[in-house]
Amino acid sequence: MARVRLSVAERREELLRAAIGQIEARGVAAVRIADVASALGVSNALVLYHFSTKERLVAAAFAHAAEDDLARLRKLLGRRTTALRRLRAAVRWYAPTGPAKGWRLWIEGWAAALREPALRDVARDLDREWKAAITEVVAEGVAAGEFRCPDPSGTALRLTALLDGLAVQLTSYGGTVSRARARNWVDEALVRELGLEREALTASAR
């Protein structure tokens, strides 16, 4: 059966999503242009026409994944509800015990970023935007009198560090901590950071 002819933008997105899948399956170091091409049944030359090198393809794939994650975060934080509900929804989604996909991809990205400046820039930009978004919604909740937090930016940093660390434990070292315990630790961190009672946090999920 003949392949459907795609626009340049559609073809690039198809290649990027295939690259993301191959990176998750094989790792950044092991993945090859041929793996991405084979996954789609296209030639190596087609992949190279769009991205010219493996390094550019990998960097573009991570940038694409980052934008997907940020779009989901913006959607969650843009809901017309309380700051507490928006914050808890975002943290629950982002946490490694939630529905967010791609933690294996980002752990691969963090490791590769130590050697690849382009990947380091993508990971740093995603991290900055995530922290800025969380800082903003925490500040909104403080202004509305929903909770107390003297340092919204510090709270955003500490929450991010906890979630990233739990992601490594759950993804790389299966069995180190249960998903239920990790979820409980995340809720405890929110309660502590926002000066809330646990019941208030639970009520926000209803």
N, C-alpha and C. Protein backbone atom coordinates (compact mmCIF):
# COMPACT_ATOMS: atom_id res chain seq x y z
N MET A 1 0.85 -1.19 0.00
CA MET A 1 0.00 0.00 0.00
C MET A 1 0.88 1.24 0.00
N ALA A 2 0.57 2.19 -0.86
CA ALA A 2 1.35 3.41 -0.96
C ALA A 2 1.17 4.27 0.28
N ARG A 3 2.26 4.91 0.72
CA ARG A 3 2.19 5.79 1.88
C ARG A 3 1.46 7.08 1.53
N VAL A 4 0.71 7.60 2.48
CA VAL A 4 0.03 8.87 2.28
C VAL A 4 1.08 9.97 2.21
N ARG A 5 0.92 10.88 1.27
CA ARG A 5 1.87 11.99 1.13
C ARG A 5 1.60 13.01 2.22
N LEU A 6 2.64 13.32 2.99
CA LEU A 6 2.50 14.25 4.10
C LEU A 6 3.13 15.59 3.76
N SER A 7 2.63 16.65 4.40
CA SER A 7 3.26 17.94 4.28
C SER A 7 4.60 17.91 5.02
N VAL A 8 5.43 18.92 4.80
CA VAL A 8 6.73 18.97 5.47
C VAL A 8 6.55 18.96 6.98
N ALA A 9 5.61 19.76 7.48
CA ALA A 9 5.37 19.85 8.92
C ALA A 9 4.88 18.50 9.47
N GLU A 10 3.97 17.86 8.75
CA GLU A 10 3.46 16.56 9.19
C GLU A 10 4.55 15.51 9.19
N ARG A 11 5.41 15.53 8.16
CA ARG A 11 6.50 14.57 8.08
C ARG A 11 7.48 14.78 9.23
N ARG A 12 7.82 16.03 9.52
CA ARG A 12 8.74 16.31 10.62
C ARG A 12 8.16 15.81 11.95
N GLU A 13 6.88 16.05 12.16
CA GLU A 13 6.27 15.59 13.41
C GLU A 13 6.28 14.07 13.49
N GLU A 14 6.00 13.41 12.39
CA GLU A 14 6.03 11.95 12.36
C GLU A 14 7.43 11.44 12.71
N LEU A 15 8.44 12.06 12.14
CA LEU A 15 9.82 11.66 12.41
C LEU A 15 10.20 11.92 13.86
N LEU A 16 9.76 13.06 14.39
CA LEU A 16 10.09 13.39 15.78
C LEU A 16 9.43 12.42 16.75
N ARG A 17 8.19 12.07 16.50
CA ARG A 17 7.51 11.12 17.39
C ARG A 17 8.15 9.73 17.30
N ALA A 18 8.58 9.36 16.12
CA ALA A 18 9.28 8.08 15.97
C ALA A 18 10.61 8.12 16.71
N ALA A 19 11.30 9.25 16.61
CA ALA A 19 12.58 9.39 17.31
C ALA A 19 12.39 9.31 18.82
N ILE A 20 11.34 9.94 19.33
CA ILE A 20 11.05 9.87 20.77
C ILE A 20 10.85 8.42 21.19
N GLY A 21 10.06 7.69 20.42
CA GLY A 21 9.82 6.28 20.73
C GLY A 21 11.09 5.45 20.72
N GLN A 22 11.96 5.71 19.76
CA GLN A 22 13.21 4.95 19.67
C GLN A 22 14.18 5.31 20.79
N ILE A 23 14.20 6.60 21.17
CA ILE A 23 15.06 7.01 22.29
C ILE A 23 14.60 6.35 23.58
N GLU A 24 13.28 6.31 23.79
CA GLU A 24 12.75 5.66 25.00
C GLU A 24 13.09 4.18 25.02
N ALA A 25 13.07 3.56 23.85
CA ALA A 25 13.31 2.11 23.77
C ALA A 25 14.79 1.76 23.82
N ARG A 26 15.64 2.58 23.18
CA ARG A 26 17.04 2.21 23.00
C ARG A 26 18.03 3.07 23.77
N GLY A 27 17.62 4.28 24.14
CA GLY A 27 18.54 5.22 24.77
C GLY A 27 19.17 6.13 23.75
N VAL A 28 19.59 7.30 24.19
CA VAL A 28 20.16 8.29 23.28
C VAL A 28 21.42 7.77 22.60
N ALA A 29 22.30 7.15 23.35
CA ALA A 29 23.58 6.71 22.79
C ALA A 29 23.41 5.64 21.72
N ALA A 30 22.46 4.74 21.93
CA ALA A 30 22.32 3.60 21.03
C ALA A 30 21.45 3.87 19.81
N VAL A 31 20.54 4.83 19.91
CA VAL A 31 19.60 5.05 18.81
C VAL A 31 20.34 5.53 17.56
N ARG A 32 19.88 5.07 16.39
CA ARG A 32 20.50 5.43 15.11
C ARG A 32 19.45 6.03 14.19
N ILE A 33 19.93 6.77 13.21
CA ILE A 33 19.04 7.27 12.17
C ILE A 33 18.27 6.11 11.54
N ALA A 34 18.96 4.98 11.34
CA ALA A 34 18.34 3.81 10.71
C ALA A 34 17.19 3.27 11.55
N ASP A 35 17.28 3.38 12.87
CA ASP A 35 16.20 2.90 13.73
C ASP A 35 14.93 3.72 13.53
N VAL A 36 15.10 5.03 13.44
CA VAL A 36 13.95 5.92 13.23
C VAL A 36 13.35 5.67 11.86
N ALA A 37 14.20 5.56 10.85
CA ALA A 37 13.71 5.31 9.49
C ALA A 37 12.97 3.98 9.41
N SER A 38 13.55 2.96 10.03
CA SER A 38 12.94 1.62 9.98
C SER A 38 11.59 1.61 10.68
N ALA A 39 11.45 2.34 11.78
CA ALA A 39 10.19 2.38 12.52
C ALA A 39 9.05 2.92 11.67
N LEU A 40 9.38 3.76 10.70
CA LEU A 40 8.36 4.37 9.85
C LEU A 40 8.33 3.78 8.45
N GLY A 41 9.28 2.92 8.15
CA GLY A 41 9.34 2.35 6.80
C GLY A 41 9.76 3.35 5.75
N VAL A 42 10.66 4.26 6.13
CA VAL A 42 11.17 5.27 5.19
C VAL A 42 12.68 5.10 5.08
N SER A 43 13.30 5.86 4.21
CA SER A 43 14.74 5.74 4.01
C SER A 43 15.51 6.60 5.00
N ASN A 44 16.77 6.21 5.23
CA ASN A 44 17.66 7.03 6.05
C ASN A 44 17.80 8.43 5.45
N ALA A 45 17.83 8.48 4.12
CA ALA A 45 18.02 9.75 3.44
C ALA A 45 16.89 10.73 3.75
N LEU A 46 15.67 10.22 3.90
CA LEU A 46 14.54 11.09 4.22
C LEU A 46 14.72 11.72 5.60
N VAL A 47 15.15 10.92 6.57
CA VAL A 47 15.38 11.44 7.92
C VAL A 47 16.48 12.49 7.88
N LEU A 48 17.56 12.20 7.17
CA LEU A 48 18.67 13.14 7.08
C LEU A 48 18.30 14.40 6.30
N TYR A 49 17.39 14.29 5.36
CA TYR A 49 16.94 15.47 4.62
C TYR A 49 16.30 16.47 5.57
N HIS A 50 15.55 15.98 6.55
CA HIS A 50 14.85 16.87 7.47
C HIS A 50 15.72 17.33 8.63
N PHE A 51 16.71 16.51 9.05
CA PHE A 51 17.45 16.85 10.26
C PHE A 51 18.97 16.85 10.10
N SER A 52 19.47 16.37 9.03
CA SER A 52 20.89 16.40 8.62
C SER A 52 21.84 15.56 9.49
N THR A 53 21.64 15.50 10.79
CA THR A 53 22.49 14.66 11.65
C THR A 53 21.65 14.03 12.75
N LYS A 54 22.18 12.97 13.33
CA LYS A 54 21.51 12.35 14.47
C LYS A 54 21.38 13.33 15.62
N GLU A 55 22.42 14.12 15.87
CA GLU A 55 22.41 15.06 16.99
C GLU A 55 21.28 16.07 16.85
N ARG A 56 21.08 16.56 15.64
CA ARG A 56 19.99 17.52 15.43
C ARG A 56 18.62 16.86 15.57
N LEU A 57 18.51 15.64 15.11
CA LEU A 57 17.25 14.90 15.27
C LEU A 57 16.94 14.68 16.74
N VAL A 58 17.92 14.26 17.51
CA VAL A 58 17.70 13.99 18.93
C VAL A 58 17.33 15.27 19.67
N ALA A 59 18.05 16.36 19.40
CA ALA A 59 17.74 17.63 20.05
C ALA A 59 16.33 18.09 19.70
N ALA A 60 15.95 17.95 18.44
CA ALA A 60 14.61 18.36 18.02
C ALA A 60 13.54 17.47 18.65
N ALA A 61 13.85 16.18 18.82
CA ALA A 61 12.90 15.26 19.45
C ALA A 61 12.65 15.66 20.90
N PHE A 62 13.69 15.99 21.63
CA PHE A 62 13.53 16.41 23.01
C PHE A 62 12.77 17.74 23.09
N ALA A 63 13.06 18.66 22.18
CA ALA A 63 12.34 19.94 22.17
C ALA A 63 10.85 19.72 21.91
N HIS A 64 10.55 18.79 21.01
CA HIS A 64 9.16 18.46 20.70
C HIS A 64 8.46 17.86 21.92
N ALA A 65 9.14 16.94 22.61
CA ALA A 65 8.57 16.34 23.81
C ALA A 65 8.37 17.38 24.91
N ALA A 66 9.31 18.31 25.02
CA ALA A 66 9.21 19.37 26.03
C ALA A 66 8.00 20.25 25.76
N GLU A 67 7.78 20.60 24.52
CA GLU A 67 6.64 21.45 24.19
C GLU A 67 5.32 20.74 24.46
N ASP A 68 5.27 19.44 24.20
CA ASP A 68 4.07 18.66 24.53
C ASP A 68 3.79 18.71 26.03
N ASP A 69 4.84 18.53 26.83
CA ASP A 69 4.67 18.55 28.28
C ASP A 69 4.22 19.92 28.76
N LEU A 70 4.82 20.99 28.21
CA LEU A 70 4.46 22.34 28.62
C LEU A 70 3.03 22.69 28.21
N ALA A 71 2.62 22.22 27.04
CA ALA A 71 1.25 22.48 26.59
C ALA A 71 0.25 21.85 27.55
N ARG A 72 0.55 20.63 28.02
CA ARG A 72 -0.34 19.97 28.98
C ARG A 72 -0.34 20.71 30.31
N LEU A 73 0.83 21.15 30.75
CA LEU A 73 0.92 21.91 31.99
C LEU A 73 0.11 23.20 31.91
N ARG A 74 0.24 23.93 30.79
CA ARG A 74 -0.51 25.18 30.63
C ARG A 74 -2.02 24.92 30.66
N LYS A 75 -2.43 23.81 30.07
CA LYS A 75 -3.85 23.48 30.05
C LYS A 75 -4.36 23.22 31.46
N LEU A 76 -3.60 22.47 32.25
CA LEU A 76 -4.01 22.18 33.61
C LEU A 76 -4.06 23.44 34.47
N LEU A 77 -3.07 24.30 34.32
CA LEU A 77 -3.00 25.50 35.14
C LEU A 77 -3.93 26.60 34.64
N GLY A 78 -4.45 26.44 33.45
CA GLY A 78 -5.35 27.44 32.89
C GLY A 78 -6.82 27.18 33.18
N ARG A 79 -7.13 26.14 33.92
CA ARG A 79 -8.52 25.82 34.24
C ARG A 79 -9.14 26.91 35.11
N ARG A 80 -10.45 27.06 34.99
CA ARG A 80 -11.18 28.05 35.77
C ARG A 80 -11.61 27.44 37.10
N THR A 81 -10.67 27.33 38.02
CA THR A 81 -10.94 26.78 39.34
C THR A 81 -9.93 27.37 40.30
N THR A 82 -9.90 26.90 41.53
CA THR A 82 -9.00 27.47 42.53
C THR A 82 -7.54 27.17 42.19
N ALA A 83 -6.67 28.01 42.73
CA ALA A 83 -5.24 27.79 42.53
C ALA A 83 -4.81 26.45 43.13
N LEU A 84 -5.38 26.09 44.28
CA LEU A 84 -5.01 24.83 44.92
C LEU A 84 -5.38 23.63 44.05
N ARG A 85 -6.56 23.65 43.48
CA ARG A 85 -6.96 22.54 42.61
C ARG A 85 -6.08 22.46 41.36
N ARG A 86 -5.76 23.62 40.80
CA ARG A 86 -4.90 23.63 39.60
C ARG A 86 -3.50 23.13 39.93
N LEU A 87 -2.98 23.59 41.08
CA LEU A 87 -1.63 23.17 41.47
C LEU A 87 -1.58 21.67 41.74
N ARG A 88 -2.56 21.16 42.49
CA ARG A 88 -2.55 19.73 42.80
C ARG A 88 -2.73 18.89 41.54
N ALA A 89 -3.58 19.36 40.61
CA ALA A 89 -3.77 18.62 39.37
C ALA A 89 -2.48 18.56 38.57
N ALA A 90 -1.77 19.69 38.52
CA ALA A 90 -0.52 19.74 37.76
C ALA A 90 0.55 18.85 38.39
N VAL A 91 0.66 18.90 39.72
CA VAL A 91 1.65 18.08 40.40
C VAL A 91 1.31 16.60 40.29
N ARG A 92 0.03 16.27 40.42
CA ARG A 92 -0.39 14.87 40.28
C ARG A 92 -0.12 14.34 38.87
N TRP A 93 -0.32 15.21 37.87
CA TRP A 93 -0.05 14.78 36.49
C TRP A 93 1.44 14.60 36.26
N TYR A 94 2.25 15.56 36.72
CA TYR A 94 3.69 15.56 36.47
C TYR A 94 4.41 14.47 37.26
N ALA A 95 3.87 14.14 38.44
CA ALA A 95 4.54 13.16 39.29
C ALA A 95 4.69 11.82 38.57
N PRO A 96 5.76 11.08 38.87
CA PRO A 96 5.97 9.79 38.20
C PRO A 96 4.90 8.75 38.52
N THR A 97 4.03 9.04 39.51
CA THR A 97 2.92 8.14 39.80
C THR A 97 1.65 8.53 39.04
N GLY A 98 1.73 9.62 38.27
CA GLY A 98 0.56 10.12 37.55
C GLY A 98 0.53 9.67 36.10
N PRO A 99 -0.36 10.29 35.29
CA PRO A 99 -0.54 9.85 33.91
C PRO A 99 0.47 10.39 32.91
N ALA A 100 1.37 11.28 33.35
CA ALA A 100 2.36 11.83 32.42
C ALA A 100 3.22 10.70 31.83
N LYS A 101 3.51 10.80 30.56
CA LYS A 101 4.34 9.81 29.89
C LYS A 101 5.76 10.37 29.76
N GLY A 102 6.69 9.49 29.46
CA GLY A 102 8.00 9.96 29.03
C GLY A 102 9.06 10.15 30.08
N TRP A 103 8.88 9.63 31.31
CA TRP A 103 9.94 9.81 32.30
C TRP A 103 11.22 9.11 31.86
N ARG A 104 11.10 7.97 31.22
CA ARG A 104 12.30 7.29 30.73
C ARG A 104 13.02 8.17 29.71
N LEU A 105 12.26 8.86 28.89
CA LEU A 105 12.85 9.77 27.90
C LEU A 105 13.63 10.87 28.59
N TRP A 106 13.03 11.48 29.62
CA TRP A 106 13.70 12.61 30.27
C TRP A 106 14.89 12.19 31.09
N ILE A 107 14.85 11.02 31.67
CA ILE A 107 16.03 10.53 32.39
C ILE A 107 17.17 10.31 31.40
N GLU A 108 16.86 9.77 30.24
CA GLU A 108 17.85 9.64 29.17
C GLU A 108 18.38 11.03 28.78
N GLY A 109 17.47 11.98 28.67
CA GLY A 109 17.87 13.34 28.27
C GLY A 109 18.79 14.00 29.28
N TRP A 110 18.47 13.83 30.57
CA TRP A 110 19.33 14.42 31.61
C TRP A 110 20.75 13.86 31.52
N ALA A 111 20.85 12.56 31.31
CA ALA A 111 22.17 11.94 31.23
C ALA A 111 22.93 12.44 30.00
N ALA A 112 22.25 12.48 28.85
CA ALA A 112 22.89 12.93 27.62
C ALA A 112 23.25 14.41 27.67
N ALA A 113 22.47 15.19 28.42
CA ALA A 113 22.70 16.63 28.50
C ALA A 113 24.06 16.97 29.12
N LEU A 114 24.63 16.05 29.87
CA LEU A 114 25.95 16.28 30.44
C LEU A 114 27.01 16.44 29.35
N ARG A 115 26.73 15.88 28.17
CA ARG A 115 27.70 15.91 27.07
C ARG A 115 27.21 16.69 25.86
N GLU A 116 25.89 16.94 25.77
CA GLU A 116 25.33 17.57 24.59
C GLU A 116 24.73 18.93 24.95
N PRO A 117 25.37 20.04 24.56
CA PRO A 117 24.86 21.37 24.90
C PRO A 117 23.43 21.62 24.42
N ALA A 118 23.07 21.12 23.24
CA ALA A 118 21.72 21.35 22.71
C ALA A 118 20.67 20.70 23.61
N LEU A 119 20.95 19.49 24.08
CA LEU A 119 20.02 18.83 24.99
C LEU A 119 19.99 19.52 26.35
N ARG A 120 21.13 20.01 26.78
CA ARG A 120 21.18 20.73 28.06
C ARG A 120 20.28 21.96 28.00
N ASP A 121 20.31 22.66 26.87
CA ASP A 121 19.48 23.86 26.72
C ASP A 121 17.99 23.51 26.76
N VAL A 122 17.60 22.43 26.08
CA VAL A 122 16.20 22.00 26.07
C VAL A 122 15.74 21.63 27.47
N ALA A 123 16.54 20.82 28.17
CA ALA A 123 16.17 20.39 29.52
C ALA A 123 16.10 21.57 30.48
N ARG A 124 17.05 22.50 30.35
CA ARG A 124 17.05 23.67 31.24
C ARG A 124 15.84 24.56 30.98
N ASP A 125 15.50 24.75 29.70
CA ASP A 125 14.34 25.59 29.37
C ASP A 125 13.05 24.99 29.91
N LEU A 126 12.90 23.66 29.76
CA LEU A 126 11.71 22.99 30.29
C LEU A 126 11.64 23.14 31.80
N ASP A 127 12.76 22.96 32.45
CA ASP A 127 12.82 23.08 33.90
C ASP A 127 12.44 24.49 34.35
N ARG A 128 12.97 25.49 33.66
CA ARG A 128 12.67 26.89 34.02
C ARG A 128 11.19 27.21 33.83
N GLU A 129 10.63 26.75 32.72
CA GLU A 129 9.22 27.06 32.45
C GLU A 129 8.30 26.34 33.44
N TRP A 130 8.64 25.11 33.79
CA TRP A 130 7.85 24.38 34.78
C TRP A 130 7.88 25.11 36.12
N LYS A 131 9.07 25.48 36.57
CA LYS A 131 9.19 26.18 37.85
C LYS A 131 8.46 27.52 37.82
N ALA A 132 8.57 28.24 36.70
CA ALA A 132 7.90 29.54 36.60
C ALA A 132 6.39 29.38 36.67
N ALA A 133 5.86 28.34 36.02
CA ALA A 133 4.41 28.11 36.03
C ALA A 133 3.93 27.75 37.42
N ILE A 134 4.67 26.90 38.12
CA ILE A 134 4.29 26.52 39.48
C ILE A 134 4.40 27.71 40.42
N THR A 135 5.46 28.49 40.27
CA THR A 135 5.62 29.69 41.09
C THR A 135 4.44 30.63 40.92
N GLU A 136 3.99 30.80 39.69
CA GLU A 136 2.88 31.72 39.40
C GLU A 136 1.58 31.24 40.06
N VAL A 137 1.26 29.97 39.95
CA VAL A 137 -0.01 29.50 40.52
C VAL A 137 0.05 29.49 42.05
N VAL A 138 1.21 29.23 42.63
CA VAL A 138 1.34 29.32 44.08
C VAL A 138 1.14 30.76 44.54
N ALA A 139 1.74 31.71 43.81
CA ALA A 139 1.57 33.12 44.16
C ALA A 139 0.10 33.54 44.04
N GLU A 140 -0.60 33.01 43.05
CA GLU A 140 -2.03 33.32 42.89
C GLU A 140 -2.82 32.81 44.09
N GLY A 141 -2.49 31.60 44.55
CA GLY A 141 -3.19 31.04 45.70
C GLY A 141 -2.94 31.83 46.96
N VAL A 142 -1.70 32.32 47.14
CA VAL A 142 -1.38 33.15 48.30
C VAL A 142 -2.17 34.45 48.24
N ALA A 143 -2.20 35.09 47.07
CA ALA A 143 -2.91 36.35 46.91
C ALA A 143 -4.41 36.19 47.16
N ALA A 144 -4.94 35.02 46.81
CA ALA A 144 -6.38 34.77 47.00
C ALA A 144 -6.70 34.30 48.42
N GLY A 145 -5.69 34.13 49.25
CA GLY A 145 -5.91 33.68 50.62
C GLY A 145 -6.23 32.21 50.75
N GLU A 146 -5.90 31.41 49.73
CA GLU A 146 -6.20 29.97 49.78
C GLU A 146 -5.22 29.21 50.68
N PHE A 147 -3.99 29.69 50.73
CA PHE A 147 -2.97 29.03 51.56
C PHE A 147 -1.85 30.03 51.83
N ARG A 148 -0.89 29.60 52.64
CA ARG A 148 0.24 30.45 53.00
C ARG A 148 1.52 29.87 52.39
N CYS A 149 2.32 30.74 51.82
CA CYS A 149 3.61 30.31 51.27
C CYS A 149 4.50 31.54 51.14
N PRO A 150 5.50 31.70 52.01
CA PRO A 150 6.34 32.90 51.97
C PRO A 150 7.31 32.94 50.80
N ASP A 151 7.53 31.80 50.13
CA ASP A 151 8.54 31.74 49.07
C ASP A 151 8.05 30.84 47.92
N PRO A 152 7.15 31.36 47.06
CA PRO A 152 6.62 30.54 45.97
C PRO A 152 7.69 29.95 45.05
N SER A 153 8.73 30.71 44.75
CA SER A 153 9.76 30.17 43.86
C SER A 153 10.55 29.05 44.53
N GLY A 154 10.79 29.17 45.84
CA GLY A 154 11.45 28.09 46.56
C GLY A 154 10.59 26.84 46.61
N THR A 155 9.28 27.05 46.79
CA THR A 155 8.35 25.92 46.78
C THR A 155 8.38 25.21 45.43
N ALA A 156 8.37 25.97 44.35
CA ALA A 156 8.42 25.37 43.01
C ALA A 156 9.69 24.56 42.82
N LEU A 157 10.82 25.09 43.31
CA LEU A 157 12.08 24.36 43.16
C LEU A 157 12.07 23.07 43.97
N ARG A 158 11.60 23.15 45.22
CA ARG A 158 11.60 21.95 46.06
C ARG A 158 10.65 20.88 45.53
N LEU A 159 9.47 21.30 45.07
CA LEU A 159 8.52 20.33 44.50
C LEU A 159 9.10 19.66 43.27
N THR A 160 9.73 20.44 42.41
CA THR A 160 10.32 19.89 41.19
C THR A 160 11.44 18.90 41.53
N ALA A 161 12.28 19.28 42.49
CA ALA A 161 13.37 18.39 42.89
C ALA A 161 12.83 17.06 43.43
N LEU A 162 11.77 17.13 44.23
CA LEU A 162 11.16 15.91 44.77
C LEU A 162 10.60 15.05 43.65
N LEU A 163 9.85 15.65 42.74
CA LEU A 163 9.23 14.88 41.67
C LEU A 163 10.27 14.26 40.74
N ASP A 164 11.30 15.03 40.40
CA ASP A 164 12.35 14.50 39.54
C ASP A 164 13.08 13.35 40.23
N GLY A 165 13.37 13.51 41.51
CA GLY A 165 14.06 12.45 42.24
C GLY A 165 13.22 11.18 42.34
N LEU A 166 11.93 11.34 42.62
CA LEU A 166 11.05 10.17 42.67
C LEU A 166 10.95 9.49 41.30
N ALA A 167 10.99 10.30 40.24
CA ALA A 167 10.94 9.72 38.89
C ALA A 167 12.12 8.80 38.64
N VAL A 168 13.31 9.21 39.09
CA VAL A 168 14.49 8.36 38.93
C VAL A 168 14.32 7.08 39.73
N GLN A 169 13.86 7.18 40.98
CA GLN A 169 13.68 6.00 41.83
C GLN A 169 12.68 5.02 41.23
N LEU A 170 11.55 5.54 40.76
CA LEU A 170 10.49 4.66 40.26
C LEU A 170 10.79 4.11 38.88
N THR A 171 11.49 4.90 38.06
CA THR A 171 11.76 4.48 36.68
C THR A 171 13.02 3.63 36.57
N SER A 172 14.07 4.05 37.26
CA SER A 172 15.36 3.38 37.12
C SER A 172 15.60 2.28 38.14
N TYR A 173 14.99 2.42 39.32
CA TYR A 173 15.24 1.47 40.40
C TYR A 173 13.92 0.89 40.90
N GLY A 174 13.25 0.16 40.05
CA GLY A 174 11.95 -0.39 40.40
C GLY A 174 11.98 -1.17 41.70
N GLY A 175 10.98 -0.91 42.56
CA GLY A 175 10.89 -1.62 43.82
C GLY A 175 11.51 -0.87 44.99
N THR A 176 12.26 0.21 44.71
CA THR A 176 12.88 0.99 45.79
C THR A 176 11.82 1.64 46.67
N VAL A 177 10.79 2.19 46.02
CA VAL A 177 9.70 2.83 46.74
C VAL A 177 8.41 2.51 46.00
N SER A 178 7.34 2.28 46.74
CA SER A 178 6.06 1.96 46.08
C SER A 178 5.43 3.22 45.52
N ARG A 179 4.59 3.05 44.54
CA ARG A 179 3.89 4.18 43.94
C ARG A 179 2.98 4.86 44.97
N ALA A 180 2.35 4.05 45.83
CA ALA A 180 1.46 4.62 46.85
C ALA A 180 2.25 5.50 47.82
N ARG A 181 3.43 5.03 48.24
CA ARG A 181 4.24 5.82 49.17
C ARG A 181 4.75 7.09 48.49
N ALA A 182 5.16 6.99 47.25
CA ALA A 182 5.63 8.17 46.53
C ALA A 182 4.50 9.20 46.40
N ARG A 183 3.30 8.74 46.08
CA ARG A 183 2.15 9.64 45.97
C ARG A 183 1.87 10.33 47.31
N ASN A 184 2.00 9.58 48.37
CA ASN A 184 1.77 10.13 49.70
C ASN A 184 2.82 11.18 50.04
N TRP A 185 4.07 10.93 49.67
CA TRP A 185 5.13 11.90 49.92
C TRP A 185 4.89 13.20 49.17
N VAL A 186 4.39 13.09 47.94
CA VAL A 186 4.10 14.29 47.16
C VAL A 186 3.00 15.11 47.84
N ASP A 187 1.95 14.44 48.30
CA ASP A 187 0.88 15.15 49.00
C ASP A 187 1.39 15.78 50.30
N GLU A 188 2.24 15.06 51.02
CA GLU A 188 2.80 15.61 52.25
C GLU A 188 3.64 16.86 51.96
N ALA A 189 4.36 16.84 50.85
CA ALA A 189 5.17 18.00 50.47
C ALA A 189 4.27 19.21 50.17
N LEU A 190 3.17 18.98 49.48
CA LEU A 190 2.24 20.08 49.18
C LEU A 190 1.65 20.65 50.47
N VAL A 191 1.23 19.78 51.35
CA VAL A 191 0.66 20.23 52.63
C VAL A 191 1.68 21.08 53.40
N ARG A 192 2.89 20.60 53.46
CA ARG A 192 3.95 21.30 54.20
C ARG A 192 4.28 22.65 53.54
N GLU A 193 4.42 22.65 52.24
CA GLU A 193 4.82 23.87 51.53
C GLU A 193 3.74 24.95 51.58
N LEU A 194 2.49 24.53 51.61
CA LEU A 194 1.38 25.49 51.53
C LEU A 194 0.76 25.80 52.87
N GLY A 195 1.27 25.19 53.94
CA GLY A 195 0.73 25.46 55.27
C GLY A 195 -0.71 25.02 55.42
N LEU A 196 -1.04 23.88 54.84
CA LEU A 196 -2.41 23.37 54.85
C LEU A 196 -2.57 22.19 55.79
N GLU A 197 -3.81 21.89 56.10
CA GLU A 197 -4.15 20.61 56.72
C GLU A 197 -4.35 19.59 55.60
N ARG A 198 -4.09 18.34 55.89
CA ARG A 198 -4.21 17.29 54.86
C ARG A 198 -5.65 17.23 54.31
N GLU A 199 -6.62 17.49 55.16
CA GLU A 199 -8.02 17.43 54.74
C GLU A 199 -8.32 18.46 53.65
N ALA A 200 -7.69 19.62 53.73
CA ALA A 200 -7.91 20.66 52.73
C ALA A 200 -7.39 20.22 51.37
N LEU A 201 -6.25 19.54 51.38
CA LEU A 201 -5.69 19.05 50.11
C LEU A 201 -6.57 17.96 49.52
N THR A 202 -7.05 17.07 50.37
CA THR A 202 -7.93 16.00 49.89
C THR A 202 -9.22 16.57 49.32
N ALA A 203 -9.76 17.58 49.98
CA ALA A 203 -11.00 18.20 49.50
C ALA A 203 -10.82 18.86 48.15
N SER A 204 -9.60 19.31 47.86
CA SER A 204 -9.36 20.00 46.59
C SER A 204 -9.46 19.07 45.40
N ALA A 205 -9.37 17.77 45.65
CA ALA A 205 -9.44 16.80 44.55
C ALA A 205 -10.87 16.41 44.20
N ARG A 206 -11.82 16.86 45.00
CA ARG A 206 -13.22 16.44 44.77
C ARG A 206 -13.87 17.31 43.71
